[in-house]
């Protein structure tokens, strides 16, 4: 069997974001967040402060992604409408990228929170709790982004027969 010429579509399918990819991003974020605390203190003398604005911003992004996922699911699967191809691709790419970045952010904030455990320093407890809140926001982004990616799935022609 000869391979398809490069000018013709291969007929391949795009697979959903794998749990392994999400897990890899989360672990990389965890290590990076955990290393941020000691490296920032060595280089700059003080570790970054986590504000409530960061936590709120992450949950706001999750809410926007969740709303987009709900509207997309409703349009495609409930009302059986068709999206313009560029809109469908944009939403799919948004969902996939946001899922990976959300996992990275969740891991990063969780790692930063863990780096403060047992440390007797001013604002350590505050950094722990706010980082945990931001990590929860990252998890919310990941979940809603995966839902958006799933909402973009449509049945193939082979499923109709």
N, C-alpha and C. Protein backbone atom coordinates (compact mmCIF):
# COMPACT_ATOMS: atom_id res chain seq x y z
N UNK A 1 0.85 -1.18 0.00
CA UNK A 1 0.00 0.00 0.00
C UNK A 1 0.89 1.24 0.00
N UNK A 2 0.59 2.17 -0.84
CA UNK A 2 1.38 3.39 -0.92
C UNK A 2 0.79 4.45 0.00
N UNK A 3 1.66 5.27 0.58
CA UNK A 3 1.14 6.35 1.45
C UNK A 3 0.42 7.40 0.62
N UNK A 4 -0.48 8.13 1.28
CA UNK A 4 -1.21 9.20 0.61
C UNK A 4 -0.24 10.28 0.13
N UNK A 5 -0.49 10.82 -1.06
CA UNK A 5 0.35 11.94 -1.50
C UNK A 5 0.19 13.11 -0.53
N UNK A 6 1.24 13.94 -0.40
CA UNK A 6 1.18 15.04 0.57
C UNK A 6 0.09 16.06 0.28
N UNK A 7 -0.40 16.13 -0.97
CA UNK A 7 -1.41 17.12 -1.32
C UNK A 7 -2.82 16.71 -0.89
N UNK A 8 -3.03 15.42 -0.61
CA UNK A 8 -4.35 14.93 -0.27
C UNK A 8 -4.48 14.76 1.24
N UNK A 9 -5.67 14.98 1.79
CA UNK A 9 -5.86 14.77 3.22
C UNK A 9 -5.67 13.31 3.57
N UNK A 10 -5.13 13.07 4.76
CA UNK A 10 -4.82 11.70 5.17
C UNK A 10 -6.03 10.97 5.72
N UNK A 11 -7.09 11.67 6.04
CA UNK A 11 -8.27 11.03 6.61
C UNK A 11 -8.09 10.73 8.08
N UNK A 12 -7.04 11.25 8.68
CA UNK A 12 -6.78 11.04 10.10
C UNK A 12 -7.76 11.80 10.97
N UNK A 13 -7.76 11.45 12.22
CA UNK A 13 -8.66 12.11 13.16
C UNK A 13 -7.84 12.78 14.24
N UNK A 14 -8.38 13.85 14.76
CA UNK A 14 -7.77 14.55 15.86
C UNK A 14 -8.25 13.90 17.15
N UNK A 15 -7.35 13.47 17.97
CA UNK A 15 -7.69 12.81 19.22
C UNK A 15 -7.85 13.85 20.33
N UNK A 16 -8.69 13.57 21.33
CA UNK A 16 -8.83 14.49 22.47
C UNK A 16 -7.51 14.59 23.25
N UNK A 17 -7.37 15.65 23.99
CA UNK A 17 -6.19 15.82 24.83
C UNK A 17 -6.09 14.64 25.79
N UNK A 18 -4.93 14.04 25.83
CA UNK A 18 -4.77 12.83 26.65
C UNK A 18 -4.53 13.18 28.11
N UNK A 19 -4.96 12.30 29.01
CA UNK A 19 -4.66 12.51 30.42
C UNK A 19 -3.15 12.54 30.69
N UNK A 20 -2.38 11.83 29.87
CA UNK A 20 -0.92 11.84 30.04
C UNK A 20 -0.35 13.23 29.77
N UNK A 21 -0.87 13.91 28.75
CA UNK A 21 -0.40 15.27 28.45
C UNK A 21 -0.77 16.22 29.58
N UNK A 22 -1.99 16.09 30.09
CA UNK A 22 -2.41 16.93 31.21
C UNK A 22 -1.58 16.65 32.45
N UNK A 23 -1.33 15.37 32.71
CA UNK A 23 -0.52 14.99 33.86
C UNK A 23 0.91 15.50 33.75
N UNK A 24 1.47 15.42 32.54
CA UNK A 24 2.83 15.92 32.33
C UNK A 24 2.91 17.42 32.59
N UNK A 25 1.94 18.16 32.09
CA UNK A 25 1.91 19.61 32.35
C UNK A 25 1.77 19.90 33.84
N UNK A 26 0.92 19.15 34.52
CA UNK A 26 0.73 19.36 35.95
C UNK A 26 2.01 19.07 36.73
N UNK A 27 2.71 18.01 36.39
CA UNK A 27 3.95 17.66 37.09
C UNK A 27 5.03 18.71 36.80
N UNK A 28 5.14 19.14 35.55
CA UNK A 28 6.11 20.20 35.24
C UNK A 28 5.79 21.48 36.01
N UNK A 29 4.52 21.83 36.09
CA UNK A 29 4.13 23.00 36.87
C UNK A 29 4.42 22.83 38.35
N UNK A 30 4.16 21.63 38.86
CA UNK A 30 4.43 21.35 40.28
C UNK A 30 5.90 21.56 40.61
N UNK A 31 6.78 21.02 39.80
CA UNK A 31 8.22 21.16 40.02
C UNK A 31 8.64 22.63 39.88
N UNK A 32 8.12 23.30 38.84
CA UNK A 32 8.46 24.71 38.64
C UNK A 32 7.98 25.59 39.77
N UNK A 33 6.75 25.36 40.23
CA UNK A 33 6.22 26.15 41.34
C UNK A 33 6.97 25.91 42.63
N UNK A 34 7.36 24.67 42.86
CA UNK A 34 8.11 24.33 44.06
C UNK A 34 9.49 24.97 44.03
N UNK A 35 10.13 25.03 42.86
CA UNK A 35 11.47 25.63 42.74
C UNK A 35 11.43 27.16 42.75
N UNK A 36 10.28 27.74 42.42
CA UNK A 36 10.18 29.20 42.34
C UNK A 36 10.51 29.86 43.68
N UNK A 37 10.00 29.31 44.75
CA UNK A 37 10.20 29.90 46.08
C UNK A 37 11.69 30.05 46.43
N UNK A 38 12.47 28.96 46.47
CA UNK A 38 13.88 29.13 46.85
C UNK A 38 14.70 29.92 45.83
N UNK A 39 14.39 29.75 44.54
CA UNK A 39 15.15 30.50 43.53
C UNK A 39 14.87 31.99 43.61
N UNK A 40 13.62 32.37 43.81
CA UNK A 40 13.28 33.79 43.91
C UNK A 40 13.92 34.43 45.13
N UNK A 41 14.00 33.68 46.23
CA UNK A 41 14.64 34.24 47.43
C UNK A 41 16.14 34.39 47.25
N UNK A 42 16.76 33.46 46.53
CA UNK A 42 18.19 33.57 46.28
C UNK A 42 18.51 34.72 45.32
N UNK A 43 17.74 34.83 44.28
CA UNK A 43 18.04 35.82 43.24
C UNK A 43 17.56 37.21 43.64
N UNK A 44 16.29 37.31 44.07
CA UNK A 44 15.71 38.62 44.34
C UNK A 44 15.60 38.98 45.80
N UNK A 45 15.82 38.03 46.68
CA UNK A 45 15.73 38.31 48.11
C UNK A 45 14.35 38.07 48.69
N UNK A 46 13.31 38.02 47.87
CA UNK A 46 11.96 37.78 48.38
C UNK A 46 11.17 36.94 47.37
N UNK A 47 10.29 36.13 47.90
CA UNK A 47 9.45 35.28 47.04
C UNK A 47 8.22 36.06 46.60
N UNK A 48 7.67 35.71 45.45
CA UNK A 48 6.48 36.41 44.96
C UNK A 48 5.28 36.25 45.90
N UNK A 49 4.46 37.27 45.93
CA UNK A 49 3.24 37.25 46.73
C UNK A 49 2.08 36.91 45.79
N UNK A 50 1.22 36.02 46.23
CA UNK A 50 0.03 35.66 45.46
C UNK A 50 -1.12 36.53 45.96
N UNK A 51 -1.80 37.19 45.02
CA UNK A 51 -2.91 38.05 45.41
C UNK A 51 -4.24 37.37 45.08
N UNK A 52 -5.30 37.89 45.68
CA UNK A 52 -6.62 37.35 45.38
C UNK A 52 -7.03 37.65 43.95
N UNK A 53 -6.45 38.69 43.36
CA UNK A 53 -6.77 39.02 41.97
C UNK A 53 -6.37 37.87 41.03
N UNK A 54 -5.26 37.22 41.33
CA UNK A 54 -4.84 36.07 40.51
C UNK A 54 -5.84 34.93 40.62
N UNK A 55 -6.30 34.68 41.83
CA UNK A 55 -7.27 33.61 42.06
C UNK A 55 -8.57 33.91 41.32
N UNK A 56 -9.05 35.14 41.47
CA UNK A 56 -10.30 35.53 40.81
C UNK A 56 -10.15 35.46 39.30
N UNK A 57 -9.01 35.90 38.77
CA UNK A 57 -8.79 35.87 37.32
C UNK A 57 -8.84 34.44 36.79
N UNK A 58 -8.26 33.50 37.50
CA UNK A 58 -8.28 32.10 37.06
C UNK A 58 -9.71 31.55 37.04
N UNK A 59 -10.47 31.85 38.07
CA UNK A 59 -11.86 31.39 38.11
C UNK A 59 -12.72 32.10 37.06
N UNK A 60 -12.40 33.35 36.74
CA UNK A 60 -13.11 34.06 35.68
C UNK A 60 -12.85 33.39 34.32
N UNK A 61 -11.60 33.03 34.06
CA UNK A 61 -11.28 32.32 32.82
C UNK A 61 -12.03 30.99 32.77
N UNK A 62 -12.07 30.28 33.91
CA UNK A 62 -12.80 29.00 33.96
C UNK A 62 -14.29 29.21 33.67
N UNK A 63 -14.86 30.28 34.20
CA UNK A 63 -16.28 30.56 33.96
C UNK A 63 -16.53 30.87 32.49
N UNK A 64 -15.64 31.63 31.87
CA UNK A 64 -15.79 31.94 30.44
C UNK A 64 -15.68 30.67 29.60
N UNK A 65 -14.70 29.83 29.91
CA UNK A 65 -14.56 28.56 29.18
C UNK A 65 -15.77 27.66 29.40
N UNK A 66 -16.27 27.62 30.62
CA UNK A 66 -17.45 26.81 30.90
C UNK A 66 -18.67 27.30 30.15
N UNK A 67 -18.85 28.61 30.10
CA UNK A 67 -19.97 29.18 29.33
C UNK A 67 -19.84 28.88 27.84
N UNK A 68 -18.64 29.00 27.33
CA UNK A 68 -18.40 28.69 25.92
C UNK A 68 -18.65 27.21 25.64
N UNK A 69 -18.23 26.34 26.56
CA UNK A 69 -18.47 24.90 26.39
C UNK A 69 -19.97 24.61 26.39
N UNK A 70 -20.69 25.24 27.29
CA UNK A 70 -22.14 25.00 27.38
C UNK A 70 -22.85 25.47 26.11
N UNK A 71 -22.50 26.68 25.65
CA UNK A 71 -23.12 27.21 24.44
C UNK A 71 -22.77 26.35 23.21
N UNK A 72 -21.54 25.90 23.14
CA UNK A 72 -21.12 25.06 22.02
C UNK A 72 -21.84 23.72 22.05
N UNK A 73 -21.91 23.11 23.21
CA UNK A 73 -22.62 21.83 23.34
C UNK A 73 -24.09 21.99 22.95
N UNK A 74 -24.68 23.04 23.45
CA UNK A 74 -26.10 23.28 23.16
C UNK A 74 -26.35 23.49 21.67
N UNK A 75 -25.48 24.26 21.03
CA UNK A 75 -25.66 24.54 19.60
C UNK A 75 -25.45 23.28 18.75
N UNK A 76 -24.39 22.53 19.04
CA UNK A 76 -24.05 21.38 18.21
C UNK A 76 -24.87 20.13 18.51
N UNK A 77 -25.10 19.86 19.78
CA UNK A 77 -25.67 18.57 20.16
C UNK A 77 -27.15 18.63 20.54
N UNK A 78 -27.63 19.77 20.99
CA UNK A 78 -29.03 19.88 21.37
C UNK A 78 -29.86 20.42 20.20
N UNK A 79 -29.42 21.55 19.65
CA UNK A 79 -30.16 22.18 18.56
C UNK A 79 -29.72 21.70 17.18
N UNK A 80 -28.66 20.90 17.13
CA UNK A 80 -28.13 20.34 15.87
C UNK A 80 -27.79 21.42 14.85
N UNK A 81 -27.27 22.54 15.32
CA UNK A 81 -26.83 23.61 14.44
C UNK A 81 -25.42 23.29 13.95
N UNK A 82 -25.01 23.97 12.90
CA UNK A 82 -23.66 23.82 12.39
C UNK A 82 -22.89 25.10 12.70
N UNK A 83 -21.68 24.92 13.19
CA UNK A 83 -20.80 26.07 13.40
C UNK A 83 -19.98 26.31 12.14
N UNK A 84 -19.64 27.54 11.91
CA UNK A 84 -18.71 27.84 10.82
C UNK A 84 -17.40 27.11 11.12
N UNK A 85 -16.76 26.56 10.11
CA UNK A 85 -15.54 25.78 10.36
C UNK A 85 -14.47 26.53 11.14
N UNK A 86 -14.27 27.80 10.84
CA UNK A 86 -13.24 28.54 11.57
C UNK A 86 -13.61 28.72 13.05
N UNK A 87 -14.88 28.86 13.36
CA UNK A 87 -15.30 28.97 14.76
C UNK A 87 -15.12 27.65 15.50
N UNK A 88 -15.44 26.56 14.84
CA UNK A 88 -15.28 25.25 15.46
C UNK A 88 -13.81 24.98 15.75
N UNK A 89 -12.94 25.28 14.80
CA UNK A 89 -11.51 25.06 15.00
C UNK A 89 -10.98 25.99 16.09
N UNK A 90 -11.42 27.24 16.09
CA UNK A 90 -10.98 28.17 17.13
C UNK A 90 -11.37 27.69 18.52
N UNK A 91 -12.59 27.20 18.67
CA UNK A 91 -13.03 26.71 19.98
C UNK A 91 -12.30 25.44 20.37
N UNK A 92 -12.03 24.58 19.42
CA UNK A 92 -11.29 23.36 19.71
C UNK A 92 -9.87 23.69 20.16
N UNK A 93 -9.21 24.58 19.45
CA UNK A 93 -7.85 24.97 19.82
C UNK A 93 -7.84 25.69 21.16
N UNK A 94 -8.83 26.54 21.40
CA UNK A 94 -8.94 27.22 22.70
C UNK A 94 -9.09 26.20 23.82
N UNK A 95 -9.94 25.21 23.61
CA UNK A 95 -10.14 24.19 24.63
C UNK A 95 -8.87 23.40 24.92
N UNK A 96 -8.20 22.96 23.86
CA UNK A 96 -6.99 22.15 24.04
C UNK A 96 -5.88 22.96 24.71
N UNK A 97 -5.62 24.15 24.23
CA UNK A 97 -4.56 24.98 24.80
C UNK A 97 -4.88 25.35 26.25
N UNK A 98 -6.12 25.68 26.52
CA UNK A 98 -6.50 26.06 27.88
C UNK A 98 -6.40 24.89 28.84
N UNK A 99 -6.70 23.68 28.38
CA UNK A 99 -6.58 22.51 29.23
C UNK A 99 -5.13 22.30 29.64
N UNK A 100 -4.21 22.42 28.70
CA UNK A 100 -2.79 22.24 29.01
C UNK A 100 -2.26 23.35 29.91
N UNK A 101 -2.64 24.58 29.61
CA UNK A 101 -2.17 25.70 30.43
C UNK A 101 -2.81 25.66 31.82
N UNK A 102 -4.08 25.26 31.89
CA UNK A 102 -4.73 25.13 33.20
C UNK A 102 -4.05 24.08 34.07
N UNK A 103 -3.67 22.95 33.48
CA UNK A 103 -2.95 21.92 34.24
C UNK A 103 -1.59 22.43 34.69
N UNK A 104 -0.91 23.16 33.82
CA UNK A 104 0.39 23.74 34.17
C UNK A 104 0.25 24.74 35.31
N UNK A 105 -0.77 25.60 35.24
CA UNK A 105 -1.01 26.59 36.29
C UNK A 105 -1.40 25.92 37.60
N UNK A 106 -2.26 24.92 37.53
CA UNK A 106 -2.68 24.22 38.75
C UNK A 106 -1.47 23.59 39.43
N UNK A 107 -0.64 22.92 38.65
CA UNK A 107 0.56 22.31 39.22
C UNK A 107 1.52 23.35 39.76
N UNK A 108 1.68 24.46 39.04
CA UNK A 108 2.60 25.50 39.48
C UNK A 108 2.18 26.13 40.80
N UNK A 109 0.92 26.47 40.90
CA UNK A 109 0.44 27.07 42.16
C UNK A 109 0.45 26.07 43.30
N UNK A 110 0.14 24.82 43.00
CA UNK A 110 0.20 23.79 44.04
C UNK A 110 1.63 23.59 44.52
N UNK A 111 2.57 23.56 43.59
CA UNK A 111 3.98 23.43 43.96
C UNK A 111 4.45 24.61 44.80
N UNK A 112 4.01 25.80 44.45
CA UNK A 112 4.38 26.99 45.22
C UNK A 112 3.79 26.92 46.63
N UNK A 113 2.55 26.43 46.74
CA UNK A 113 1.94 26.28 48.06
C UNK A 113 2.70 25.25 48.90
N UNK A 114 3.09 24.14 48.29
CA UNK A 114 3.83 23.09 49.00
C UNK A 114 5.17 23.61 49.47
N UNK A 115 5.80 24.49 48.68
CA UNK A 115 7.11 25.01 49.08
C UNK A 115 7.04 25.86 50.34
N UNK A 116 5.85 26.32 50.71
CA UNK A 116 5.69 27.14 51.91
C UNK A 116 5.29 26.32 53.13
N UNK A 117 4.99 25.04 52.97
CA UNK A 117 4.60 24.22 54.11
C UNK A 117 5.75 24.11 55.11
N UNK A 118 5.45 24.36 56.37
CA UNK A 118 6.45 24.25 57.43
C UNK A 118 7.42 25.41 57.51
N UNK A 119 7.27 26.40 56.68
CA UNK A 119 8.17 27.56 56.70
C UNK A 119 7.61 28.58 57.68
N UNK A 120 8.46 29.02 58.60
CA UNK A 120 8.04 30.02 59.58
C UNK A 120 8.52 31.39 59.10
N UNK A 121 7.72 31.98 58.22
CA UNK A 121 8.07 33.28 57.66
C UNK A 121 6.81 34.14 57.60
N UNK A 122 7.06 35.44 57.53
CA UNK A 122 5.95 36.37 57.40
C UNK A 122 5.24 36.11 56.07
N UNK A 123 3.93 36.07 56.09
CA UNK A 123 3.07 35.86 54.92
C UNK A 123 3.13 34.44 54.36
N UNK A 124 3.78 33.50 55.04
CA UNK A 124 3.86 32.12 54.53
C UNK A 124 2.47 31.50 54.46
N UNK A 125 1.68 31.64 55.50
CA UNK A 125 0.35 31.07 55.52
C UNK A 125 -0.54 31.70 54.45
N UNK A 126 -0.40 33.00 54.28
CA UNK A 126 -1.16 33.71 53.27
C UNK A 126 -0.80 33.20 51.87
N UNK A 127 0.48 33.00 51.62
CA UNK A 127 0.92 32.48 50.32
C UNK A 127 0.40 31.06 50.09
N UNK A 128 0.40 30.26 51.14
CA UNK A 128 -0.11 28.88 51.01
C UNK A 128 -1.57 28.88 50.58
N UNK A 129 -2.42 29.60 51.31
CA UNK A 129 -3.86 29.57 51.04
C UNK A 129 -4.21 30.18 49.69
N UNK A 130 -3.58 31.29 49.37
CA UNK A 130 -3.87 31.91 48.08
C UNK A 130 -3.37 31.04 46.93
N UNK A 131 -2.24 30.39 47.12
CA UNK A 131 -1.73 29.48 46.08
C UNK A 131 -2.65 28.28 45.90
N UNK A 132 -3.19 27.78 47.00
CA UNK A 132 -4.14 26.66 46.89
C UNK A 132 -5.41 27.11 46.16
N UNK A 133 -5.87 28.32 46.43
CA UNK A 133 -7.02 28.84 45.71
C UNK A 133 -6.74 28.99 44.23
N UNK A 134 -5.54 29.48 43.90
CA UNK A 134 -5.16 29.62 42.49
C UNK A 134 -5.01 28.24 41.84
N UNK A 135 -4.51 27.26 42.57
CA UNK A 135 -4.40 25.90 42.03
C UNK A 135 -5.79 25.35 41.73
N UNK A 136 -6.75 25.63 42.60
CA UNK A 136 -8.13 25.21 42.34
C UNK A 136 -8.67 25.90 41.08
N UNK A 137 -8.31 27.16 40.88
CA UNK A 137 -8.69 27.86 39.66
C UNK A 137 -8.09 27.21 38.43
N UNK A 138 -6.84 26.76 38.53
CA UNK A 138 -6.20 26.06 37.42
C UNK A 138 -6.90 24.74 37.11
N UNK A 139 -7.31 24.03 38.15
CA UNK A 139 -8.07 22.79 37.95
C UNK A 139 -9.41 23.09 37.28
N UNK A 140 -10.06 24.17 37.71
CA UNK A 140 -11.34 24.55 37.10
C UNK A 140 -11.16 24.89 35.62
N UNK A 141 -10.07 25.57 35.29
CA UNK A 141 -9.78 25.87 33.89
C UNK A 141 -9.59 24.58 33.10
N UNK A 142 -8.84 23.65 33.65
CA UNK A 142 -8.58 22.38 32.96
C UNK A 142 -9.88 21.64 32.71
N UNK A 143 -10.73 21.55 33.71
CA UNK A 143 -12.00 20.82 33.56
C UNK A 143 -12.89 21.48 32.52
N UNK A 144 -13.06 22.79 32.61
CA UNK A 144 -13.96 23.46 31.66
C UNK A 144 -13.38 23.45 30.25
N UNK A 145 -12.05 23.50 30.14
CA UNK A 145 -11.43 23.45 28.81
C UNK A 145 -11.61 22.08 28.17
N UNK A 146 -11.50 21.02 28.97
CA UNK A 146 -11.74 19.67 28.44
C UNK A 146 -13.21 19.53 28.02
N UNK A 147 -14.10 20.12 28.80
CA UNK A 147 -15.52 20.11 28.41
C UNK A 147 -15.75 20.86 27.10
N UNK A 148 -15.05 21.98 26.91
CA UNK A 148 -15.16 22.71 25.65
C UNK A 148 -14.64 21.87 24.49
N UNK A 149 -13.52 21.22 24.71
CA UNK A 149 -12.96 20.36 23.66
C UNK A 149 -13.93 19.23 23.30
N UNK A 150 -14.55 18.64 24.30
CA UNK A 150 -15.53 17.57 24.05
C UNK A 150 -16.78 18.11 23.37
N UNK A 151 -17.17 19.33 23.70
CA UNK A 151 -18.36 19.92 23.07
C UNK A 151 -18.16 20.13 21.58
N UNK A 152 -16.92 20.27 21.17
CA UNK A 152 -16.61 20.49 19.75
C UNK A 152 -16.64 19.20 18.94
N UNK A 153 -16.73 18.07 19.59
CA UNK A 153 -16.74 16.80 18.86
C UNK A 153 -18.05 16.64 18.10
N UNK A 154 -17.93 16.19 16.87
CA UNK A 154 -19.10 15.91 16.05
C UNK A 154 -18.97 14.49 15.53
N UNK A 155 -20.11 13.93 15.19
CA UNK A 155 -20.10 12.58 14.65
C UNK A 155 -19.50 12.60 13.26
N UNK A 156 -18.73 11.60 12.94
CA UNK A 156 -18.18 11.50 11.59
C UNK A 156 -19.23 10.89 10.67
N UNK A 157 -18.98 10.94 9.39
CA UNK A 157 -19.90 10.36 8.41
C UNK A 157 -20.03 8.86 8.61
N UNK A 158 -18.97 8.21 9.08
CA UNK A 158 -18.99 6.77 9.30
C UNK A 158 -19.94 6.40 10.45
N UNK A 159 -20.13 7.33 11.40
CA UNK A 159 -21.03 7.06 12.53
C UNK A 159 -22.50 7.11 12.10
N UNK A 160 -22.79 7.79 11.00
CA UNK A 160 -24.16 7.93 10.54
C UNK A 160 -24.70 6.65 9.89
N UNK A 161 -23.81 5.78 9.41
CA UNK A 161 -24.28 4.58 8.71
C UNK A 161 -24.49 3.42 9.63
